[in-house]
Amino acid sequence: MMNSLAGRPSRLCTAIALALLAGTGGALADQPTPWQARFQEAATGIMHEITWFEHYTLWFIIPITLLVLALLGWCMFRYSEKRNPIPSRTSHNTTIEVIWTVGPVLILLALAVPSFALLTSQYTPPEEPALTIKATANQWNWDYEYQVGETFSFNSALLPDNARADAGKEDRGRYPRLLAVDNEVVVPVNTTVRLLVTASDVIHAFALPAFGLKTDAVPGRINETWFKAQKEGMYYGQCSELCGQDHAYMPIAIHVVPQADYEQWVARAATDVPGANRALQAKIDSETNVADAGN
């Protein structure tokens, strides 16, 4: 029942959004912008559902807010001491009591049913994940372990401004200040990825807005979540749990690439992560330059 009520509109929103994005390239992956008031553009089915649910709840929140505001204004005007010196002593009104009891119950049910369906989807991958990555939070960086044929791991930390030139990441449009990292997580597009999240010291949180992804990283415990990126590009997030002095300098960067590029990257990253990153970056930069020249 929950899936039938919440799944249909959310799947429709997903299909429309994907159709609009079909012609876009990886460079158009959304990023935070100054004074941003809305969600980042959705890059996964779950984020499309979250966006749909937010729009859905506004159809309840806005009318309720306006109704309460109107009732308050009417009561202050109509029943002020000046206009109503003798207050009413009415103690019961069956009709009003039924309305203010049944009405909120129906509204809560209308919100709860799609909410539970969305929550279920967030913890239920549509298929067996093809890739498992373990993310371990530290003060204040991330360790990533790829649990593939030849397990390998690397550290990912904030890229200082004075290291941008050496890293070839001087383009702040693609590598934003305080969000760019030295080593990005690389995953293939349209692939279900299992993410195991933990911490080595204090409580952190792994959050990536465009993926609709957020889960706590707790020492001594592994939390499992998943995502399936539907378009290529560079996506950024941050630790969203107050974890200490440099909490604000603990970014997350996930690079979504074609399957062939991912296979080349993972084959080299098993022994040389920095070299694999440079090769992938050079390939994508060359393709971007060719595309720009063609335009």
C-alpha atoms as a PDB file:
ATOM      1  CA  MET A   1       0.000   0.000   0.000  1.00  0.00           C
ATOM      2  CA  MET A   2       2.777   2.420   0.927  1.00  0.00           C
ATOM      3  CA  ASN A   3       4.680   1.751  -2.273  1.00  0.00           C
ATOM      4  CA  SER A   4       1.558   2.179  -4.389  1.00  0.00           C
ATOM      5  CA  LEU A   5       0.815   5.582  -2.880  1.00  0.00           C
ATOM      6  CA  ALA A   6       4.337   7.012  -2.721  1.00  0.00           C
ATOM      7  CA  GLY A   7       6.151   5.079  -5.424  1.00  0.00           C
ATOM      8  CA  ARG A   8       4.041   6.104  -8.428  1.00  0.00           C
ATOM      9  CA  PRO A   9       4.434   9.896  -8.181  1.00  0.00           C
ATOM     10  CA  SER A  10       8.072   9.600  -7.135  1.00  0.00           C
ATOM     11  CA  ARG A  11       8.883   7.313 -10.075  1.00  0.00           C
ATOM     12  CA  LEU A  12       7.125   9.762 -12.406  1.00  0.00           C
ATOM     13  CA  CYS A  13       9.245  12.618 -11.038  1.00  0.00           C
ATOM     14  CA  THR A  14      12.367  10.506 -11.491  1.00  0.00           C
ATOM     15  CA  ALA A  15      11.489   9.694 -15.107  1.00  0.00           C
ATOM     16  CA  ILE A  16      10.797  13.345 -15.974  1.00  0.00           C
ATOM     17  CA  ALA A  17      14.011  14.525 -14.338  1.00  0.00           C
ATOM     18  CA  LEU A  18      16.099  11.870 -16.080  1.00  0.00           C
ATOM     19  CA  ALA A  19      14.554  12.785 -19.429  1.00  0.00           C
ATOM     20  CA  LEU A  20      15.521  16.421 -18.901  1.00  0.00           C
ATOM     21  CA  LEU A  21      19.042  15.398 -17.948  1.00  0.00           C
ATOM     22  CA  ALA A  22      19.560  12.909 -20.754  1.00  0.00           C
ATOM     23  CA  GLY A  23      21.492  15.334 -22.875  1.00  0.00           C
ATOM     24  CA  THR A  24      23.709  16.787 -20.152  1.00  0.00           C
ATOM     25  CA  GLY A  25      27.339  15.928 -19.570  1.00  0.00           C
ATOM     26  CA  GLY A  26      29.281  15.057 -16.451  1.00  0.00           C
ATOM     27  CA  ALA A  27      30.446  18.648 -16.041  1.00  0.00           C
ATOM     28  CA  LEU A  28      26.904  19.660 -15.096  1.00  0.00           C
ATOM     29  CA  ALA A  29      26.872  17.725 -11.835  1.00  0.00           C
ATOM     30  CA  ASP A  30      25.342  20.040  -9.245  1.00  0.00           C
ATOM     31  CA  GLN A  31      27.355  21.688  -6.486  1.00  0.00           C
ATOM     32  CA  PRO A  32      26.568  23.980  -3.557  1.00  0.00           C
ATOM     33  CA  THR A  33      26.119  27.622  -4.520  1.00  0.00           C
ATOM     34  CA  PRO A  34      26.302  30.826  -2.416  1.00  0.00           C
ATOM     35  CA  TRP A  35      23.026  31.647  -0.662  1.00  0.00           C
ATOM     36  CA  GLN A  36      21.463  28.413  -1.886  1.00  0.00           C
ATOM     37  CA  ALA A  37      17.902  27.984  -0.590  1.00  0.00           C
ATOM     38  CA  ARG A  38      16.788  24.843  -2.442  1.00  0.00           C
ATOM     39  CA  PHE A  39      18.051  21.278  -2.731  1.00  0.00           C
ATOM     40  CA  GLN A  40      20.898  20.471  -5.057  1.00  0.00           C
ATOM     41  CA  GLU A  41      19.821  18.883  -8.322  1.00  0.00           C
ATOM     42  CA  ALA A  42      19.054  15.208  -7.697  1.00  0.00           C
ATOM     43  CA  ALA A  43      21.570  12.680  -9.008  1.00  0.00           C
ATOM     44  CA  THR A  44      19.957   9.496  -7.640  1.00  0.00           C
ATOM     45  CA  GLY A  45      16.473   8.006  -7.568  1.00  0.00           C
ATOM     46  CA  ILE A  46      16.321   8.425  -3.792  1.00  0.00           C
ATOM     47  CA  MET A  47      17.049  12.149  -4.044  1.00  0.00           C
ATOM     48  CA  HIS A  48      14.319  12.497  -6.675  1.00  0.00           C
ATOM     49  CA  GLU A  49      11.917  10.876  -4.209  1.00  0.00           C
ATOM     50  CA  ILE A  50      13.081  13.179  -1.404  1.00  0.00           C
ATOM     51  CA  THR A  51      12.519  16.208  -3.639  1.00  0.00           C
ATOM     52  CA  TRP A  52       9.056  14.954  -4.586  1.00  0.00           C
ATOM     53  CA  PHE A  53       8.186  14.364  -0.923  1.00  0.00           C
ATOM     54  CA  GLU A  54       9.286  17.876  -0.006  1.00  0.00           C
ATOM     55  CA  HIS A  55       6.991  19.344  -2.675  1.00  0.00           C
ATOM     56  CA  TYR A  56       4.205  17.027  -1.512  1.00  0.00           C
ATOM     57  CA  THR A  57       4.461  18.146   2.132  1.00  0.00           C
ATOM     58  CA  LEU A  58       4.281  21.808   1.103  1.00  0.00           C
ATOM     59  CA  TRP A  59       0.714  21.191  -0.123  1.00  0.00           C
ATOM     60  CA  PHE A  60      -0.133  20.535   3.532  1.00  0.00           C
ATOM     61  CA  ILE A  61       2.223  22.912   5.326  1.00  0.00           C
ATOM     62  CA  ILE A  62       1.364  26.089   3.407  1.00  0.00           C
ATOM     63  CA  PRO A  63      -2.483  25.849   3.686  1.00  0.00           C
ATOM     64  CA  ILE A  64      -2.226  24.904   7.387  1.00  0.00           C
ATOM     65  CA  THR A  65       0.090  27.838   8.082  1.00  0.00           C
ATOM     66  CA  LEU A  66      -2.191  30.278   6.250  1.00  0.00           C
ATOM     67  CA  LEU A  67      -5.287  28.888   8.004  1.00  0.00           C
ATOM     68  CA  VAL A  68      -3.736  29.210  11.463  1.00  0.00           C
ATOM     69  CA  LEU A  69      -2.547  32.734  10.650  1.00  0.00           C
ATOM     70  CA  ALA A  70      -6.023  33.715   9.463  1.00  0.00           C
ATOM     71  CA  LEU A  71      -7.672  32.216  12.564  1.00  0.00           C
ATOM     72  CA  LEU A  72      -5.267  34.043  14.869  1.00  0.00           C
ATOM     73  CA  GLY A  73      -5.890  37.325  13.097  1.00  0.00           C
ATOM     74  CA  TRP A  74      -9.660  36.813  13.165  1.00  0.00           C
ATOM     75  CA  CYS A  75      -9.661  35.901  16.866  1.00  0.00           C
ATOM     76  CA  MET A  76      -7.499  38.905  17.806  1.00  0.00           C
ATOM     77  CA  PHE A  77      -9.820  41.226  15.872  1.00  0.00           C
ATOM     78  CA  ARG A  78     -13.222  39.690  16.645  1.00  0.00           C
ATOM     79  CA  TYR A  79     -12.680  38.726  20.281  1.00  0.00           C
ATOM     80  CA  SER A  80     -10.597  41.605  21.582  1.00  0.00           C
ATOM     81  CA  GLU A  81     -11.684  43.052  24.909  1.00  0.00           C
ATOM     82  CA  LYS A  82     -12.911  46.200  23.168  1.00  0.00           C
ATOM     83  CA  ARG A  83     -15.247  44.350  20.784  1.00  0.00           C
ATOM     84  CA  ASN A  84     -16.182  41.529  23.151  1.00  0.00           C
ATOM     85  CA  PRO A  85     -16.255  42.825  26.733  1.00  0.00           C
ATOM     86  CA  ILE A  86     -18.293  39.839  27.931  1.00  0.00           C
ATOM     87  CA  PRO A  87     -16.420  36.638  26.940  1.00  0.00           C
ATOM     88  CA  SER A  88     -18.318  33.536  25.884  1.00  0.00           C
ATOM     89  CA  ARG A  89     -18.560  30.748  28.448  1.00  0.00           C
ATOM     90  CA  THR A  90     -19.127  27.995  25.885  1.00  0.00           C
ATOM     91  CA  SER A  91     -17.291  24.885  27.110  1.00  0.00           C
ATOM     92  CA  HIS A  92     -18.033  22.285  24.415  1.00  0.00           C
ATOM     93  CA  ASN A  93     -18.668  22.189  20.699  1.00  0.00           C
ATOM     94  CA  THR A  94     -18.911  18.664  19.371  1.00  0.00           C
ATOM     95  CA  THR A  95     -18.507  19.603  15.720  1.00  0.00           C
ATOM     96  CA  ILE A  96     -15.331  21.617  16.295  1.00  0.00           C
ATOM     97  CA  GLU A  97     -13.829  18.925  18.550  1.00  0.00           C
ATOM     98  CA  VAL A  98     -14.454  16.231  15.928  1.00  0.00           C
ATOM     99  CA  ILE A  99     -12.913  18.390  13.193  1.00  0.00           C
ATOM    100  CA  TRP A 100      -9.758  19.279  15.132  1.00  0.00           C
ATOM    101  CA  THR A 101      -9.293  15.634  16.121  1.00  0.00           C
ATOM    102  CA  VAL A 102     -10.058  13.838  12.858  1.00  0.00           C
ATOM    103  CA  GLY A 103      -8.479  16.495  10.589  1.00  0.00           C
ATOM    104  CA  PRO A 104      -4.928  16.279  12.021  1.00  0.00           C
ATOM    105  CA  VAL A 105      -5.120  12.475  12.100  1.00  0.00           C
ATOM    106  CA  LEU A 106      -5.959  12.342   8.377  1.00  0.00           C
ATOM    107  CA  ILE A 107      -3.201  14.848   7.567  1.00  0.00           C
ATOM    108  CA  LEU A 108      -0.634  12.851   9.553  1.00  0.00           C
ATOM    109  CA  LEU A 109      -1.667   9.650   7.780  1.00  0.00           C
ATOM    110  CA  ALA A 110      -1.316  11.356   4.386  1.00  0.00           C
ATOM    111  CA  LEU A 111       2.215  12.388   5.367  1.00  0.00           C
ATOM    112  CA  ALA A 112       3.210   9.167   7.112  1.00  0.00           C
ATOM    113  CA  VAL A 113       2.372   6.691   4.331  1.00  0.00           C
ATOM    114  CA  PRO A 114       4.731   8.130   1.652  1.00  0.00           C
ATOM    115  CA  SER A 115       7.255   8.986   4.362  1.00  0.00           C
ATOM    116  CA  PHE A 116       7.500   5.347   5.485  1.00  0.00           C
ATOM    117  CA  ALA A 117       7.732   4.227   1.854  1.00  0.00           C
ATOM    118  CA  LEU A 118      10.635   6.622   1.263  1.00  0.00           C
ATOM    119  CA  LEU A 119      12.368   5.502   4.455  1.00  0.00           C
ATOM    120  CA  THR A 120      12.051   1.888   3.354  1.00  0.00           C
ATOM    121  CA  SER A 121      13.543   2.700  -0.058  1.00  0.00           C
ATOM    122  CA  GLN A 122      16.506   4.446   1.560  1.00  0.00           C
ATOM    123  CA  TYR A 123      17.503   1.240   3.336  1.00  0.00           C
ATOM    124  CA  THR A 124      16.519  -1.255   0.642  1.00  0.00           C
ATOM    125  CA  PRO A 125      18.731  -1.386  -2.465  1.00  0.00           C
ATOM    126  CA  PRO A 126      16.781  -2.349  -5.604  1.00  0.00           C
ATOM    127  CA  GLU A 127      19.415  -4.971  -6.422  1.00  0.00           C
ATOM    128  CA  GLU A 128      22.509  -6.598  -4.993  1.00  0.00           C
ATOM    129  CA  PRO A 129      25.224  -3.888  -4.882  1.00  0.00           C
ATOM    130  CA  ALA A 130      27.960  -4.377  -7.480  1.00  0.00           C
ATOM    131  CA  LEU A 131      30.527  -2.429  -5.444  1.00  0.00           C
ATOM    132  CA  THR A 132      31.182  -2.099  -1.715  1.00  0.00           C
ATOM    133  CA  ILE A 133      33.143   0.824  -0.258  1.00  0.00           C
ATOM    134  CA  LYS A 134      33.987   1.289   3.411  1.00  0.00           C
ATOM    135  CA  ALA A 135      34.280   4.900   4.587  1.00  0.00           C
ATOM    136  CA  THR A 136      36.068   5.499   7.895  1.00  0.00           C
ATOM    137  CA  ALA A 137      35.894   9.000   9.356  1.00  0.00           C
ATOM    138  CA  ASN A 138      38.846  10.516  11.163  1.00  0.00           C
ATOM    139  CA  GLN A 139      39.497  13.914  12.679  1.00  0.00           C
ATOM    140  CA  TRP A 140      39.414  15.403  10.014  1.00  0.00           C
ATOM    141  CA  ASN A 141      39.608  13.314   6.860  1.00  0.00           C
ATOM    142  CA  TRP A 142      38.263  10.078   5.388  1.00  0.00           C
ATOM    143  CA  ASP A 143      39.748   6.661   4.731  1.00  0.00           C
ATOM    144  CA  TYR A 144      38.133   4.706   1.882  1.00  0.00           C
ATOM    145  CA  GLU A 145      38.515   0.981   1.341  1.00  0.00           C
ATOM    146  CA  TYR A 146      37.411  -0.587  -1.932  1.00  0.00           C
ATOM    147  CA  GLN A 147      36.282  -4.140  -1.267  1.00  0.00           C
ATOM    148  CA  VAL A 148      36.908  -5.428  -4.778  1.00  0.00           C
ATOM    149  CA  GLY A 149      39.023  -8.338  -6.087  1.00  0.00           C
ATOM    150  CA  GLU A 150      42.230  -6.745  -4.826  1.00  0.00           C
ATOM    151  CA  THR A 151      41.205  -4.704  -1.793  1.00  0.00           C
ATOM    152  CA  PHE A 152      42.907  -1.333  -1.590  1.00  0.00           C
ATOM    153  CA  SER A 153      42.434   1.836   0.436  1.00  0.00           C
ATOM    154  CA  PHE A 154      43.424   5.495   0.423  1.00  0.00           C
ATOM    155  CA  ASN A 155      42.977   8.665   2.432  1.00  0.00           C
ATOM    156  CA  SER A 156      40.967  11.665   1.268  1.00  0.00           C
ATOM    157  CA  ALA A 157      41.499  15.091   2.839  1.00  0.00           C
ATOM    158  CA  LEU A 158      40.780  18.734   2.120  1.00  0.00           C
ATOM    159  CA  LEU A 159      42.892  20.125  -0.726  1.00  0.00           C
ATOM    160  CA  PRO A 160      44.736  23.253   0.514  1.00  0.00           C
ATOM    161  CA  ASP A 161      44.757  26.249  -1.797  1.00  0.00           C
ATOM    162  CA  ASN A 162      48.553  26.160  -2.052  1.00  0.00           C
ATOM    163  CA  ALA A 163      48.402  22.577  -3.375  1.00  0.00           C
ATOM    164  CA  ARG A 164      45.908  23.208  -6.184  1.00  0.00           C
ATOM    165  CA  ALA A 165      48.505  23.907  -8.857  1.00  0.00           C
ATOM    166  CA  ASP A 166      50.455  20.710  -8.177  1.00  0.00           C
ATOM    167  CA  ALA A 167      47.219  18.700  -8.165  1.00  0.00           C
ATOM    168  CA  GLY A 168      45.991  20.288 -11.405  1.00  0.00           C
ATOM    169  CA  LYS A 169      42.824  21.443  -9.653  1.00  0.00           C
ATOM    170  CA  GLU A 170      42.933  25.200 -10.064  1.00  0.00           C
ATOM    171  CA  ASP A 171      39.461  25.354 -11.642  1.00  0.00           C
ATOM    172  CA  ARG A 172      37.344  26.433  -8.670  1.00  0.00           C
ATOM    173  CA  GLY A 173      34.166  25.878 -10.630  1.00  0.00           C
ATOM    174  CA  ARG A 174      34.863  22.166 -10.718  1.00  0.00           C
ATOM    175  CA  TYR A 175      36.940  21.970  -7.531  1.00  0.00           C
ATOM    176  CA  PRO A 176      35.264  24.416  -5.110  1.00  0.00           C
ATOM    177  CA  ARG A 177      37.142  25.966  -2.218  1.00  0.00           C
ATOM    178  CA  LEU A 178      36.818  23.982   1.044  1.00  0.00           C
ATOM    179  CA  LEU A 179      35.163  21.097  -0.831  1.00  0.00           C
ATOM    180  CA  ALA A 180      37.885  19.887  -3.204  1.00  0.00           C
ATOM    181  CA  VAL A 181      39.939  16.933  -1.942  1.00  0.00           C
ATOM    182  CA  ASP A 182      43.251  15.371  -2.855  1.00  0.00           C
ATOM    183  CA  ASN A 183      41.757  11.938  -3.668  1.00  0.00           C
ATOM    184  CA  GLU A 184      38.137  11.552  -4.777  1.00  0.00           C
ATOM    185  CA  VAL A 185      36.034   8.421  -4.454  1.00  0.00           C
ATOM    186  CA  VAL A 186      35.487   7.076  -7.975  1.00  0.00           C
ATOM    187  CA  VAL A 187      32.391   5.026  -8.838  1.00  0.00           C
ATOM    188  CA  PRO A 188      30.740   3.935 -12.104  1.00  0.00           C
ATOM    189  CA  VAL A 189      27.509   5.542 -13.250  1.00  0.00           C
ATOM    190  CA  ASN A 190      24.225   3.598 -12.978  1.00  0.00           C
ATOM    191  CA  THR A 191      25.766   1.137 -10.527  1.00  0.00           C
ATOM    192  CA  THR A 192      24.403   0.264  -7.096  1.00  0.00           C
ATOM    193  CA  VAL A 193      27.096   0.953  -4.506  1.00  0.00           C
ATOM    194  CA  ARG A 194      27.009  -0.305  -0.920  1.00  0.00           C
ATOM    195  CA  LEU A 195      28.551   2.152   1.531  1.00  0.00           C
ATOM    196  CA  LEU A 196      29.761   0.977   4.941  1.00  0.00           C
ATOM    197  CA  VAL A 197      30.297   3.940   7.264  1.00  0.00           C
ATOM    198  CA  THR A 198      32.196   3.998  10.568  1.00  0.00           C
ATOM    199  CA  ALA A 199      34.592   6.250  12.514  1.00  0.00           C
ATOM    200  CA  SER A 200      37.929   5.841  14.246  1.00  0.00           C
ATOM    201  CA  ASP A 201      37.630   8.473  16.978  1.00  0.00           C
ATOM    202  CA  VAL A 202      34.419  10.475  17.526  1.00  0.00           C
ATOM    203  CA  ILE A 203      30.984  10.569  15.896  1.00  0.00           C
ATOM    204  CA  HIS A 204      31.018  11.978  12.363  1.00  0.00           C
ATOM    205  CA  ALA A 205      28.427  11.836   9.563  1.00  0.00           C
ATOM    206  CA  PHE A 206      28.679  11.017   5.867  1.00  0.00           C
ATOM    207  CA  ALA A 207      26.421  13.354   3.887  1.00  0.00           C
ATOM    208  CA  LEU A 208      26.118  13.953   0.141  1.00  0.00           C
ATOM    209  CA  PRO A 209      23.096  16.180  -0.691  1.00  0.00           C
ATOM    210  CA  ALA A 210      22.806  15.402  -4.424  1.00  0.00           C
ATOM    211  CA  PHE A 211      22.584  11.682  -3.613  1.00  0.00           C
ATOM    212  CA  GLY A 212      20.052  12.108  -0.788  1.00  0.00           C
ATOM    213  CA  LEU A 213      22.636  10.417   1.391  1.00  0.00           C
ATOM    214  CA  LYS A 214      23.290  10.971   5.092  1.00  0.00           C
ATOM    215  CA  THR A 215      24.321   8.496   7.772  1.00  0.00           C
ATOM    216  CA  ASP A 216      26.214   8.702  11.059  1.00  0.00           C
ATOM    217  CA  ALA A 217      29.768   7.423  11.376  1.00  0.00           C
ATOM    218  CA  VAL A 218      30.009   5.943  14.871  1.00  0.00           C
ATOM    219  CA  PRO A 219      33.193   4.462  16.412  1.00  0.00           C
ATOM    220  CA  GLY A 220      32.885   0.712  16.914  1.00  0.00           C
ATOM    221  CA  ARG A 221      29.806   0.445  14.715  1.00  0.00           C
ATOM    222  CA  ILE A 222      29.234   0.079  10.972  1.00  0.00           C
ATOM    223  CA  ASN A 223      26.203   1.749   9.389  1.00  0.00           C
ATOM    224  CA  GLU A 224      25.195   0.570   5.933  1.00  0.00           C
ATOM    225  CA  THR A 225      23.617   2.647   3.206  1.00  0.00           C
ATOM    226  CA  TRP A 226      23.640   2.688  -0.608  1.00  0.00           C
ATOM    227  CA  PHE A 227      23.389   4.915  -3.649  1.00  0.00           C
ATOM    228  CA  LYS A 228      23.073   4.629  -7.423  1.00  0.00           C
ATOM    229  CA  ALA A 229      24.270   7.734  -9.259  1.00  0.00           C
ATOM    230  CA  GLN A 230      22.332   8.290 -12.470  1.00  0.00           C
ATOM    231  CA  LYS A 231      24.555  10.879 -14.126  1.00  0.00           C
ATOM    232  CA  GLU A 232      28.267  11.491 -14.376  1.00  0.00           C
ATOM    233  CA  GLY A 233      30.133  14.299 -12.665  1.00  0.00           C
ATOM    234  CA  MET A 234      31.797  15.434  -9.461  1.00  0.00           C
ATOM    235  CA  TYR A 235      29.628  15.553  -6.336  1.00  0.00           C
ATOM    236  CA  TYR A 236      30.479  17.089  -2.995  1.00  0.00           C
ATOM    237  CA  GLY A 237      29.355  16.656   0.582  1.00  0.00           C
ATOM    238  CA  GLN A 238      30.711  17.172   4.082  1.00  0.00           C
ATOM    239  CA  CYS A 239      30.765  15.668   7.529  1.00  0.00           C
ATOM    240  CA  SER A 240      27.465  16.888   8.996  1.00  0.00           C
ATOM    241  CA  GLU A 241      28.070  16.006  12.643  1.00  0.00           C
ATOM    242  CA  LEU A 242      29.893  18.483  14.885  1.00  0.00           C
ATOM    243  CA  CYS A 243      33.097  16.482  15.372  1.00  0.00           C
ATOM    244  CA  GLY A 244      35.706  18.907  16.638  1.00  0.00           C
ATOM    245  CA  GLN A 245      37.853  21.904  15.822  1.00  0.00           C
ATOM    246  CA  ASP A 246      38.184  21.251  12.081  1.00  0.00           C
ATOM    247  CA  HIS A 247      34.680  19.904  11.507  1.00  0.00           C
ATOM    248  CA  ALA A 248      34.141  22.441   8.711  1.00  0.00           C
ATOM    249  CA  TYR A 249      37.187  21.158   6.818  1.00  0.00           C
ATOM    250  CA  MET A 250      36.166  17.545   6.265  1.00  0.00           C
ATOM    251  CA  PRO A 251      34.728  17.393   2.733  1.00  0.00           C
ATOM    252  CA  ILE A 252      33.535  14.384   0.757  1.00  0.00           C
ATOM    253  CA  ALA A 253      33.994  14.144  -3.016  1.00  0.00           C
ATOM    254  CA  ILE A 254      32.587  11.389  -5.236  1.00  0.00           C
ATOM    255  CA  HIS A 255      33.471  11.263  -8.922  1.00  0.00           C
ATOM    256  CA  VAL A 256      30.913   9.388 -11.052  1.00  0.00           C
ATOM    257  CA  VAL A 257      32.416   8.176 -14.332  1.00  0.00           C
ATOM    258  CA  PRO A 258      31.540   5.780 -17.190  1.00  0.00           C
ATOM    259  CA  GLN A 259      32.003   2.071 -16.494  1.00  0.00           C
ATOM    260  CA  ALA A 260      35.021   1.808 -18.815  1.00  0.00           C
ATOM    261  CA  ASP A 261      36.802   4.722 -17.113  1.00  0.00           C
ATOM    262  CA  TYR A 262      36.068   3.236 -13.709  1.00  0.00           C
ATOM    263  CA  GLU A 263      37.518  -0.138 -14.698  1.00  0.00           C
ATOM    264  CA  GLN A 264      40.713   1.532 -15.920  1.00  0.00           C
ATOM    265  CA  TRP A 265      40.930   3.601 -12.748  1.00  0.00           C
ATOM    266  CA  VAL A 266      40.351   0.718 -10.326  1.00  0.00           C
ATOM    267  CA  ALA A 267      42.892  -1.485 -12.117  1.00  0.00           C
ATOM    268  CA  ARG A 268      45.609   1.129 -11.601  1.00  0.00           C
ATOM    269  CA  ALA A 269      44.398   2.359  -8.195  1.00  0.00           C
ATOM    270  CA  ALA A 270      44.977  -1.083  -6.707  1.00  0.00           C
ATOM    271  CA  THR A 271      48.708  -0.215  -6.696  1.00  0.00           C
ATOM    272  CA  ASP A 272      48.885   3.528  -7.377  1.00  0.00           C
ATOM    273  CA  VAL A 273      45.924   5.699  -6.312  1.00  0.00           C
ATOM    274  CA  PRO A 274      47.550   9.100  -7.063  1.00  0.00           C
ATOM    275  CA  GLY A 275      48.636   7.873 -10.507  1.00  0.00           C
ATOM    276  CA  ALA A 276      45.164   6.488 -11.237  1.00  0.00           C
ATOM    277  CA  ASN A 277      43.618   9.822 -10.246  1.00  0.00           C
ATOM    278  CA  ARG A 278      45.992  11.799 -12.480  1.00  0.00           C
ATOM    279  CA  ALA A 279      45.293   9.505 -15.429  1.00  0.00           C
ATOM    280  CA  LEU A 280      41.522   9.754 -14.955  1.00  0.00           C
ATOM    281  CA  GLN A 281      41.689  13.520 -14.525  1.00  0.00           C
ATOM    282  CA  ALA A 282      43.800  13.917 -17.664  1.00  0.00           C
ATOM    283  CA  LYS A 283      41.409  11.751 -19.695  1.00  0.00           C
ATOM    284  CA  ILE A 284      38.341  13.697 -18.603  1.00  0.00           C
ATOM    285  CA  ASP A 285      40.069  17.053 -19.107  1.00  0.00           C
ATOM    286  CA  SER A 286      41.055  16.068 -22.650  1.00  0.00           C
ATOM    287  CA  GLU A 287      37.509  14.944 -23.444  1.00  0.00           C
ATOM    288  CA  THR A 288      36.157  18.218 -22.042  1.00  0.00           C
ATOM    289  CA  ASN A 289      38.574  20.249 -24.159  1.00  0.00           C
ATOM    290  CA  VAL A 290      37.592  18.314 -27.290  1.00  0.00           C
ATOM    291  CA  ALA A 291      33.895  18.850 -26.535  1.00  0.00           C
ATOM    292  CA  ASP A 292      34.461  22.579 -25.952  1.00  0.00           C
ATOM    293  CA  ALA A 293      36.367  22.862 -29.219  1.00  0.00           C
ATOM    294  CA  GLY A 294      33.540  21.081 -31.036  1.00  0.00           C
ATOM    295  CA  ASN A 295      31.016  23.579 -29.725  1.00  0.00           C
END
